Amino acid sequence: LRIENLRFSYNGIVEVLKGIDLILDCGVGCI
């Protein structure tokens, strides 16, 4: 699982995800 520069905002106003980069090669990952 690979995530690159992920950004998300509700209603285009409040940015909730601010450039998430994440790599999970295998197994169980926890946020």
PDB file of all heavy atoms in Angstrom:
ATOM      1  N   LEU A   1       0.867  -1.178   0.000  1.00  0.00           N
ATOM      2  CA  LEU A   1       0.000   0.000   0.000  1.00  0.00           C
ATOM      3  C   LEU A   1       0.903   1.227   0.000  1.00  0.00           C
ATOM      4  O   LEU A   1       1.750   1.385   0.892  1.00  0.00           O
ATOM      5  CB  LEU A   1      -0.900  -0.004   1.235  1.00  0.00           C
ATOM      6  CG  LEU A   1      -1.763   1.247   1.456  1.00  0.00           C
ATOM      7  CD1 LEU A   1      -2.813   1.398   0.362  1.00  0.00           C
ATOM      8  CD2 LEU A   1      -2.426   1.204   2.834  1.00  0.00           C
ATOM      9  N   ARG A   2       0.722   2.083  -0.986  1.00  0.00           N
ATOM     10  CA  ARG A   2       1.542   3.290  -1.078  1.00  0.00           C
ATOM     11  C   ARG A   2       0.660   4.517  -1.295  1.00  0.00           C
ATOM     12  O   ARG A   2      -0.181   4.526  -2.195  1.00  0.00           O
ATOM     13  CB  ARG A   2       2.559   3.175  -2.220  1.00  0.00           C
ATOM     14  CG  ARG A   2       3.548   4.346  -2.255  1.00  0.00           C
ATOM     15  CD  ARG A   2       4.656   4.133  -3.279  1.00  0.00           C
ATOM     16  NE  ARG A   2       4.254   4.538  -4.622  1.00  0.00           N
ATOM     17  CZ  ARG A   2       3.992   3.712  -5.612  1.00  0.00           C
ATOM     18  NH1 ARG A   2       4.053   2.401  -5.428  1.00  0.00           N
ATOM     19  NH2 ARG A   2       3.653   4.162  -6.809  1.00  0.00           N
ATOM     20  N   ILE A   3       0.829   5.506  -0.458  1.00  0.00           N
ATOM     21  CA  ILE A   3       0.060   6.752  -0.547  1.00  0.00           C
ATOM     22  C   ILE A   3       1.032   7.896  -0.794  1.00  0.00           C
ATOM     23  O   ILE A   3       2.052   8.016  -0.108  1.00  0.00           O
ATOM     24  CB  ILE A   3      -0.749   6.998   0.743  1.00  0.00           C
ATOM     25  CG1 ILE A   3      -1.759   5.866   0.943  1.00  0.00           C
ATOM     26  CG2 ILE A   3      -1.450   8.349   0.703  1.00  0.00           C
ATOM     27  CD1 ILE A   3      -2.525   5.953   2.244  1.00  0.00           C
ATOM     28  N   GLU A   4       0.709   8.729  -1.763  1.00  0.00           N
ATOM     29  CA  GLU A   4       1.599   9.816  -2.139  1.00  0.00           C
ATOM     30  C   GLU A   4       0.875  11.155  -2.080  1.00  0.00           C
ATOM     31  O   GLU A   4      -0.129  11.373  -2.762  1.00  0.00           O
ATOM     32  CB  GLU A   4       2.140   9.593  -3.566  1.00  0.00           C
ATOM     33  CG  GLU A   4       2.944   8.318  -3.739  1.00  0.00           C
ATOM     34  CD  GLU A   4       3.371   8.086  -5.176  1.00  0.00           C
ATOM     35  OE1 GLU A   4       2.907   8.841  -6.066  1.00  0.00           O
ATOM     36  OE2 GLU A   4       4.156   7.150  -5.418  1.00  0.00           O
ATOM     37  N   ASN A   5       1.367  12.044  -1.243  1.00  0.00           N
ATOM     38  CA  ASN A   5       0.908  13.438  -1.160  1.00  0.00           C
ATOM     39  C   ASN A   5      -0.617  13.547  -1.123  1.00  0.00           C
ATOM     40  O   ASN A   5      -1.225  14.330  -1.859  1.00  0.00           O
ATOM     41  CB  ASN A   5       1.461  14.240  -2.341  1.00  0.00           C
ATOM     42  CG  ASN A   5       1.269  15.742  -2.152  1.00  0.00           C
ATOM     43  OD1 ASN A   5       1.260  16.247  -1.031  1.00  0.00           O
ATOM     44  ND2 ASN A   5       1.095  16.460  -3.256  1.00  0.00           N
ATOM     45  N   LEU A   6      -1.244  12.780  -0.265  1.00  0.00           N
ATOM     46  CA  LEU A   6      -2.705  12.741  -0.202  1.00  0.00           C
ATOM     47  C   LEU A   6      -3.239  13.955   0.553  1.00  0.00           C
ATOM     48  O   LEU A   6      -2.828  14.235   1.686  1.00  0.00           O
ATOM     49  CB  LEU A   6      -3.162  11.459   0.494  1.00  0.00           C
ATOM     50  CG  LEU A   6      -4.641  11.101   0.325  1.00  0.00           C
ATOM     51  CD1 LEU A   6      -4.924  10.705  -1.117  1.00  0.00           C
ATOM     52  CD2 LEU A   6      -5.020   9.967   1.266  1.00  0.00           C
ATOM     53  N   ARG A   7      -4.178  14.630  -0.085  1.00  0.00           N
ATOM     54  CA  ARG A   7      -4.798  15.817   0.523  1.00  0.00           C
ATOM     55  C   ARG A   7      -6.316  15.703   0.400  1.00  0.00           C
ATOM     56  O   ARG A   7      -6.839  15.251  -0.609  1.00  0.00           O
ATOM     57  CB  ARG A   7      -4.311  17.103  -0.148  1.00  0.00           C
ATOM     58  CG  ARG A   7      -2.830  17.377   0.082  1.00  0.00           C
ATOM     59  CD  ARG A   7      -2.353  18.663  -0.559  1.00  0.00           C
ATOM     60  NE  ARG A   7      -0.955  18.910  -0.272  1.00  0.00           N
ATOM     61  CZ  ARG A   7      -0.503  19.536   0.809  1.00  0.00           C
ATOM     62  NH1 ARG A   7      -1.368  20.016   1.691  1.00  0.00           N
ATOM     63  NH2 ARG A   7       0.795  19.707   0.999  1.00  0.00           N
ATOM     64  N   PHE A   8      -6.979  16.149   1.451  1.00  0.00           N
ATOM     65  CA  PHE A   8      -8.439  16.138   1.448  1.00  0.00           C
ATOM     66  C   PHE A   8      -8.952  17.275   2.313  1.00  0.00           C
ATOM     67  O   PHE A   8      -8.394  17.574   3.372  1.00  0.00           O
ATOM     68  CB  PHE A   8      -8.993  14.814   1.988  1.00  0.00           C
ATOM     69  CG  PHE A   8     -10.497  14.769   2.018  1.00  0.00           C
ATOM     70  CD1 PHE A   8     -11.210  14.395   0.892  1.00  0.00           C
ATOM     71  CD2 PHE A   8     -11.196  15.142   3.154  1.00  0.00           C
ATOM     72  CE1 PHE A   8     -12.598  14.376   0.894  1.00  0.00           C
ATOM     73  CE2 PHE A   8     -12.583  15.124   3.175  1.00  0.00           C
ATOM     74  CZ  PHE A   8     -13.283  14.740   2.038  1.00  0.00           C
ATOM     75  N   SER A   9     -10.035  17.898   1.850  1.00  0.00           N
ATOM     76  CA  SER A   9     -10.682  18.955   2.633  1.00  0.00           C
ATOM     77  C   SER A   9     -12.188  18.815   2.506  1.00  0.00           C
ATOM     78  O   SER A   9     -12.694  18.414   1.458  1.00  0.00           O
ATOM     79  CB  SER A   9     -10.232  20.340   2.180  1.00  0.00           C
ATOM     80  OG  SER A   9     -10.549  20.540   0.810  1.00  0.00           O
ATOM     81  N   TYR A  10     -12.890  19.118   3.580  1.00  0.00           N
ATOM     82  CA  TYR A  10     -14.350  19.109   3.566  1.00  0.00           C
ATOM     83  C   TYR A  10     -14.852  20.453   3.067  1.00  0.00           C
ATOM     84  O   TYR A  10     -14.436  21.508   3.559  1.00  0.00           O
ATOM     85  CB  TYR A  10     -14.894  18.829   4.964  1.00  0.00           C
ATOM     86  CG  TYR A  10     -14.674  17.393   5.410  1.00  0.00           C
ATOM     87  CD1 TYR A  10     -13.636  17.075   6.285  1.00  0.00           C
ATOM     88  CD2 TYR A  10     -15.483  16.364   4.936  1.00  0.00           C
ATOM     89  CE1 TYR A  10     -13.421  15.765   6.688  1.00  0.00           C
ATOM     90  CE2 TYR A  10     -15.274  15.052   5.333  1.00  0.00           C
ATOM     91  CZ  TYR A  10     -14.247  14.758   6.208  1.00  0.00           C
ATOM     92  OH  TYR A  10     -14.033  13.462   6.601  1.00  0.00           O
ATOM     93  N   ASN A  11     -15.709  20.405   2.061  1.00  0.00           N
ATOM     94  CA  ASN A  11     -16.281  21.615   1.459  1.00  0.00           C
ATOM     95  C   ASN A  11     -15.213  22.535   0.869  1.00  0.00           C
ATOM     96  O   ASN A  11     -15.458  23.722   0.657  1.00  0.00           O
ATOM     97  CB  ASN A  11     -17.111  22.398   2.481  1.00  0.00           C
ATOM     98  CG  ASN A  11     -18.260  21.589   3.040  1.00  0.00           C
ATOM     99  OD1 ASN A  11     -18.917  20.861   2.301  1.00  0.00           O
ATOM    100  ND2 ASN A  11     -18.501  21.696   4.339  1.00  0.00           N
ATOM    101  N   GLY A  12     -14.039  21.961   0.610  1.00  0.00           N
ATOM    102  CA  GLY A  12     -12.980  22.761   0.008  1.00  0.00           C
ATOM    103  C   GLY A  12     -12.429  23.842   0.901  1.00  0.00           C
ATOM    104  O   GLY A  12     -11.706  24.728   0.433  1.00  0.00           O
ATOM    105  N   ILE A  13     -12.747  23.795   2.199  1.00  0.00           N
ATOM    106  CA  ILE A  13     -12.335  24.883   3.104  1.00  0.00           C
ATOM    107  C   ILE A  13     -11.291  24.407   4.103  1.00  0.00           C
ATOM    108  O   ILE A  13     -10.152  24.883   4.107  1.00  0.00           O
ATOM    109  CB  ILE A  13     -13.560  25.457   3.845  1.00  0.00           C
ATOM    110  CG1 ILE A  13     -14.576  25.999   2.832  1.00  0.00           C
ATOM    111  CG2 ILE A  13     -13.125  26.557   4.816  1.00  0.00           C
ATOM    112  CD1 ILE A  13     -15.879  26.448   3.460  1.00  0.00           C
ATOM    113  N   VAL A  14     -11.685  23.469   4.967  1.00  0.00           N
ATOM    114  CA  VAL A  14     -10.788  23.001   6.023  1.00  0.00           C
ATOM    115  C   VAL A  14     -10.016  21.784   5.525  1.00  0.00           C
ATOM    116  O   VAL A  14     -10.602  20.730   5.270  1.00  0.00           O
ATOM    117  CB  VAL A  14     -11.572  22.642   7.299  1.00  0.00           C
ATOM    118  CG1 VAL A  14     -10.617  22.147   8.390  1.00  0.00           C
ATOM    119  CG2 VAL A  14     -12.363  23.841   7.795  1.00  0.00           C
ATOM    120  N   GLU A  15      -8.705  21.921   5.378  1.00  0.00           N
ATOM    121  CA  GLU A  15      -7.888  20.814   4.922  1.00  0.00           C
ATOM    122  C   GLU A  15      -7.637  19.857   6.085  1.00  0.00           C
ATOM    123  O   GLU A  15      -7.062  20.236   7.103  1.00  0.00           O
ATOM    124  CB  GLU A  15      -6.559  21.311   4.351  1.00  0.00           C
ATOM    125  CG  GLU A  15      -5.796  20.224   3.616  1.00  0.00           C
ATOM    126  CD  GLU A  15      -4.580  20.740   2.871  1.00  0.00           C
ATOM    127  OE1 GLU A  15      -3.849  21.574   3.446  1.00  0.00           O
ATOM    128  OE2 GLU A  15      -4.361  20.314   1.722  1.00  0.00           O
ATOM    129  N   VAL A  16      -8.062  18.598   5.906  1.00  0.00           N
ATOM    130  CA  VAL A  16      -7.951  17.599   6.964  1.00  0.00           C
ATOM    131  C   VAL A  16      -6.724  16.719   6.758  1.00  0.00           C
ATOM    132  O   VAL A  16      -6.031  16.379   7.716  1.00  0.00           O
ATOM    133  CB  VAL A  16      -9.227  16.735   7.024  1.00  0.00           C
ATOM    134  CG1 VAL A  16      -9.122  15.678   8.116  1.00  0.00           C
ATOM    135  CG2 VAL A  16     -10.445  17.613   7.263  1.00  0.00           C
ATOM    136  N   LEU A  17      -6.467  16.332   5.521  1.00  0.00           N
ATOM    137  CA  LEU A  17      -5.258  15.579   5.188  1.00  0.00           C
ATOM    138  C   LEU A  17      -4.311  16.527   4.464  1.00  0.00           C
ATOM    139  O   LEU A  17      -4.666  17.114   3.444  1.00  0.00           O
ATOM    140  CB  LEU A  17      -5.596  14.378   4.306  1.00  0.00           C
ATOM    141  CG  LEU A  17      -6.616  13.381   4.869  1.00  0.00           C
ATOM    142  CD1 LEU A  17      -6.827  12.225   3.896  1.00  0.00           C
ATOM    143  CD2 LEU A  17      -6.185  12.867   6.238  1.00  0.00           C
ATOM    144  N   LYS A  18      -3.100  16.637   4.985  1.00  0.00           N
ATOM    145  CA  LYS A  18      -2.185  17.693   4.540  1.00  0.00           C
ATOM    146  C   LYS A  18      -0.913  17.119   3.919  1.00  0.00           C
ATOM    147  O   LYS A  18       0.195  17.344   4.401  1.00  0.00           O
ATOM    148  CB  LYS A  18      -1.851  18.605   5.715  1.00  0.00           C
ATOM    149  CG  LYS A  18      -3.094  19.205   6.382  1.00  0.00           C
ATOM    150  CD  LYS A  18      -2.761  19.955   7.662  1.00  0.00           C
ATOM    151  CE  LYS A  18      -4.024  20.482   8.331  1.00  0.00           C
ATOM    152  NZ  LYS A  18      -3.759  21.169   9.603  1.00  0.00           N
ATOM    153  N   GLY A  19      -1.098  16.332   2.881  1.00  0.00           N
ATOM    154  CA  GLY A  19       0.053  15.779   2.188  1.00  0.00           C
ATOM    155  C   GLY A  19       0.567  14.509   2.826  1.00  0.00           C
ATOM    156  O   GLY A  19       1.740  14.407   3.196  1.00  0.00           O
ATOM    157  N   ILE A  20      -0.306  13.498   2.925  1.00  0.00           N
ATOM    158  CA  ILE A  20       0.055  12.231   3.566  1.00  0.00           C
ATOM    159  C   ILE A  20       0.904  11.381   2.627  1.00  0.00           C
ATOM    160  O   ILE A  20       0.532  11.125   1.483  1.00  0.00           O
ATOM    161  CB  ILE A  20      -1.209  11.431   3.963  1.00  0.00           C
ATOM    162  CG1 ILE A  20      -2.045  12.194   4.995  1.00  0.00           C
ATOM    163  CG2 ILE A  20      -0.821  10.045   4.474  1.00  0.00           C
ATOM    164  CD1 ILE A  20      -1.425  12.281   6.356  1.00  0.00           C
ATOM    165  N   ASP A  21       2.055  10.929   3.119  1.00  0.00           N
ATOM    166  CA  ASP A  21       2.886   9.943   2.439  1.00  0.00           C
ATOM    167  C   ASP A  21       2.992   8.735   3.357  1.00  0.00           C
ATOM    168  O   ASP A  21       3.319   8.877   4.540  1.00  0.00           O
ATOM    169  CB  ASP A  21       4.285  10.498   2.150  1.00  0.00           C
ATOM    170  CG  ASP A  21       4.264  11.615   1.126  1.00  0.00           C
ATOM    171  OD1 ASP A  21       3.728  11.393   0.027  1.00  0.00           O
ATOM    172  OD2 ASP A  21       4.791  12.708   1.419  1.00  0.00           O
ATOM    173  N   LEU A  22       2.742   7.545   2.801  1.00  0.00           N
ATOM    174  CA  LEU A  22       2.672   6.354   3.645  1.00  0.00           C
ATOM    175  C   LEU A  22       2.988   5.120   2.805  1.00  0.00           C
ATOM    176  O   LEU A  22       2.502   4.997   1.679  1.00  0.00           O
ATOM    177  CB  LEU A  22       1.277   6.258   4.254  1.00  0.00           C
ATOM    178  CG  LEU A  22       0.868   5.137   5.190  1.00  0.00           C
ATOM    179  CD1 LEU A  22      -0.277   5.589   6.085  1.00  0.00           C
ATOM    180  CD2 LEU A  22       0.434   3.892   4.420  1.00  0.00           C
ATOM    181  N   ILE A  23       3.793   4.211   3.354  1.00  0.00           N
ATOM    182  CA  ILE A  23       4.073   2.936   2.697  1.00  0.00           C
ATOM    183  C   ILE A  23       3.910   1.814   3.714  1.00  0.00           C
ATOM    184  O   ILE A  23       4.500   1.851   4.790  1.00  0.00           O
ATOM    185  CB  ILE A  23       5.492   2.895   2.101  1.00  0.00           C
ATOM    186  CG1 ILE A  23       5.627   3.892   0.948  1.00  0.00           C
ATOM    187  CG2 ILE A  23       5.821   1.485   1.598  1.00  0.00           C
ATOM    188  CD1 ILE A  23       7.016   3.949   0.338  1.00  0.00           C
ATOM    189  N   LEU A  24       3.083   0.839   3.361  1.00  0.00           N
ATOM    190  CA  LEU A  24       2.926  -0.370   4.159  1.00  0.00           C
ATOM    191  C   LEU A  24       3.244  -1.549   3.255  1.00  0.00           C
ATOM    192  O   LEU A  24       2.531  -1.822   2.294  1.00  0.00           O
ATOM    193  CB  LEU A  24       1.494  -0.478   4.706  1.00  0.00           C
ATOM    194  CG  LEU A  24       1.170  -1.727   5.533  1.00  0.00           C
ATOM    195  CD1 LEU A  24       2.004  -1.772   6.801  1.00  0.00           C
ATOM    196  CD2 LEU A  24      -0.319  -1.781   5.867  1.00  0.00           C
ATOM    197  N   ASP A  25       4.347  -2.238   3.552  1.00  0.00           N
ATOM    198  CA  ASP A  25       4.799  -3.330   2.685  1.00  0.00           C
ATOM    199  C   ASP A  25       3.993  -4.607   2.885  1.00  0.00           C
ATOM    200  O   ASP A  25       3.710  -5.335   1.938  1.00  0.00           O
ATOM    201  CB  ASP A  25       6.282  -3.622   2.936  1.00  0.00           C
ATOM    202  CG  ASP A  25       7.186  -2.528   2.398  1.00  0.00           C
ATOM    203  OD1 ASP A  25       6.906  -2.035   1.302  1.00  0.00           O
ATOM    204  OD2 ASP A  25       8.150  -2.161   3.090  1.00  0.00           O
ATOM    205  N   CYS A  26       3.661  -4.913   4.145  1.00  0.00           N
ATOM    206  CA  CYS A  26       2.936  -6.141   4.436  1.00  0.00           C
ATOM    207  C   CYS A  26       2.446  -6.102   5.879  1.00  0.00           C
ATOM    208  O   CYS A  26       2.793  -5.187   6.640  1.00  0.00           O
ATOM    209  CB  CYS A  26       3.824  -7.369   4.226  1.00  0.00           C
ATOM    210  SG  CYS A  26       5.290  -7.396   5.283  1.00  0.00           S
ATOM    211  N   GLY A  27       1.633  -7.108   6.258  1.00  0.00           N
ATOM    212  CA  GLY A  27       1.199  -7.221   7.635  1.00  0.00           C
ATOM    213  C   GLY A  27       0.135  -6.228   8.045  1.00  0.00           C
ATOM    214  O   GLY A  27      -0.686  -5.783   7.225  1.00  0.00           O
ATOM    215  N   VAL A  28       0.155  -5.851   9.318  1.00  0.00           N
ATOM    216  CA  VAL A  28      -0.858  -4.977   9.910  1.00  0.00           C
ATOM    217  C   VAL A  28      -0.247  -3.620  10.234  1.00  0.00           C
ATOM    218  O   VAL A  28       0.733  -3.529  10.980  1.00  0.00           O
ATOM    219  CB  VAL A  28      -1.436  -5.596  11.198  1.00  0.00           C
ATOM    220  CG1 VAL A  28      -2.495  -4.668  11.797  1.00  0.00           C
ATOM    221  CG2 VAL A  28      -2.035  -6.971  10.912  1.00  0.00           C
ATOM    222  N   GLY A  29      -0.816  -2.583   9.655  1.00  0.00           N
ATOM    223  CA  GLY A  29      -0.383  -1.223   9.930  1.00  0.00           C
ATOM    224  C   GLY A  29      -1.415  -0.496  10.756  1.00  0.00           C
ATOM    225  O   GLY A  29      -2.615  -0.732  10.610  1.00  0.00           O
ATOM    226  N   CYS A  30      -0.954   0.368  11.643  1.00  0.00           N
ATOM    227  CA  CYS A  30      -1.875   1.101  12.518  1.00  0.00           C
ATOM    228  C   CYS A  30      -1.651   2.597  12.399  1.00  0.00           C
ATOM    229  O   CYS A  30      -0.514   3.076  12.443  1.00  0.00           O
ATOM    230  CB  CYS A  30      -1.670   0.666  13.971  1.00  0.00           C
ATOM    231  SG  CYS A  30      -2.662   1.627  15.139  1.00  0.00           S
ATOM    232  N   ILE A  31      -2.750   3.332  12.272  1.00  0.00           N
ATOM    233  CA  ILE A  31      -2.725   4.783  12.374  1.00  0.00           C
ATOM    234  C   ILE A  31      -3.035   5.129  13.828  1.00  0.00           C
ATOM    235  O   ILE A  31      -4.145   4.882  14.308  1.00  0.00           O
ATOM    236  CB  ILE A  31      -3.775   5.446  11.452  1.00  0.00           C
ATOM    237  CG1 ILE A  31      -3.705   4.873  10.033  1.00  0.00           C
ATOM    238  CG2 ILE A  31      -3.597   6.959  11.446  1.00  0.00           C
ATOM    239  CD1 ILE A  31      -2.444   5.160   9.302  1.00  0.00           C
TER     240      ILE A  31
END
